[in-house]
Amino acid sequence: MDERLIEAPCGFLSMDHNGSIIEVNKTFLEWIGFKQKNLVGKHFESLLTTGNKLIFHSYFYPNINLHGHVEELFIN
C-alpha cells in the first residue's frame, strides 16, 4: 500500500477478484474496530448489513464489471 494511504483521513481497502480484503489502512481499521490480521483475507461482504449488501450488489458489481474498477463507494 502507498505510504500516503496508510494514515489518510479516509478509509481505504482493496480487494481481490473474489471480494477478499487484501489491504486496509489504519483509518478504516480504527473506524470498524478491527486489527489488520483479523480483517485481511476476510470477504468484504461479511462486514456489511443486509441493506448495505443490496447497495453494494446494485452499485459495485455492475461498475466493476462494466468499467473494471470502482473509484469510490460510500457505505454508512
Protein backbone atom coordinates (compact mmCIF):
# COMPACT_ATOMS: atom_id res chain seq x y z
CA MET A 1 0.00 0.00 0.00
CA ASP A 2 1.19 3.50 -0.78
CA GLU A 3 2.61 5.10 2.39
CA ARG A 4 0.32 8.13 1.95
CA LEU A 5 -2.75 5.93 2.21
CA ILE A 6 -1.80 4.19 5.45
CA GLU A 7 -2.79 7.15 7.64
CA ALA A 8 -5.02 9.01 5.19
CA PRO A 9 -8.07 10.74 6.74
CA CYS A 10 -10.32 8.38 4.78
CA GLY A 11 -10.87 4.67 4.93
CA PHE A 12 -9.17 2.66 2.21
CA LEU A 13 -9.15 -1.00 1.38
CA SER A 14 -8.53 -3.12 -1.66
CA MET A 15 -9.98 -6.48 -2.57
CA ASP A 16 -9.09 -9.28 -4.91
CA HIS A 17 -11.44 -10.56 -7.63
CA ASN A 18 -13.20 -12.82 -5.14
CA GLY A 19 -14.03 -9.99 -2.73
CA SER A 20 -11.39 -10.92 -0.14
CA ILE A 21 -9.72 -7.95 1.51
CA ILE A 22 -6.02 -7.76 0.67
CA GLU A 23 -5.08 -4.29 2.01
CA VAL A 24 -6.61 -1.91 4.52
CA ASN A 25 -5.42 1.36 6.03
CA LYS A 26 -5.25 2.41 9.69
CA THR A 27 -8.19 4.81 9.42
CA PHE A 28 -10.55 2.09 8.19
CA LEU A 29 -9.36 -0.28 10.90
CA GLU A 30 -9.99 2.34 13.59
CA TRP A 31 -13.48 3.07 12.25
CA ILE A 32 -14.58 -0.55 12.36
CA GLY A 33 -12.57 -1.66 15.39
CA PHE A 34 -10.64 -4.49 13.74
CA LYS A 35 -6.97 -5.38 13.70
CA GLN A 36 -5.39 -5.86 10.29
CA LYS A 37 -4.58 -9.52 10.92
CA ASN A 38 -8.28 -10.21 11.63
CA LEU A 39 -9.53 -8.41 8.52
CA VAL A 40 -7.12 -9.26 5.70
CA GLY A 41 -8.41 -12.35 3.90
CA LYS A 42 -11.97 -11.82 5.12
CA HIS A 43 -14.67 -11.37 2.47
CA PHE A 44 -15.73 -7.72 2.25
CA GLU A 45 -19.43 -8.53 2.32
CA SER A 46 -19.06 -10.10 5.76
CA LEU A 47 -18.71 -6.54 7.09
CA LEU A 48 -21.97 -5.31 5.56
CA THR A 49 -25.53 -5.19 6.83
CA THR A 50 -28.26 -6.63 4.61
CA GLY A 51 -29.21 -3.14 3.37
CA ASN A 52 -25.62 -2.29 2.54
CA LYS A 53 -25.20 -5.60 0.72
CA LEU A 54 -28.09 -4.57 -1.55
CA ILE A 55 -26.40 -1.24 -2.30
CA PHE A 56 -23.09 -3.00 -2.82
CA HIS A 57 -24.61 -5.50 -5.25
CA SER A 58 -26.51 -2.85 -7.19
CA TYR A 59 -23.58 -0.40 -7.49
CA PHE A 60 -20.22 -2.12 -7.01
CA TYR A 61 -20.59 -5.27 -9.09
CA PRO A 62 -22.16 -3.58 -12.14
CA ASN A 63 -19.45 -0.89 -12.16
CA ILE A 64 -16.56 -3.27 -11.65
CA ASN A 65 -17.87 -5.47 -14.47
CA LEU A 66 -18.54 -2.55 -16.81
CA HIS A 67 -15.53 -0.31 -16.11
CA GLY A 68 -13.06 -2.68 -14.48
CA HIS A 69 -12.77 -0.56 -11.33
CA VAL A 70 -14.71 1.40 -8.74
CA GLU A 71 -13.03 4.56 -7.53
CA GLU A 72 -15.33 5.41 -4.66
CA LEU A 73 -18.09 3.79 -2.68
CA PHE A 74 -19.73 5.33 0.38
CA ILE A 75 -21.48 2.97 2.75
CA ASN A 76 -22.50 4.10 6.21
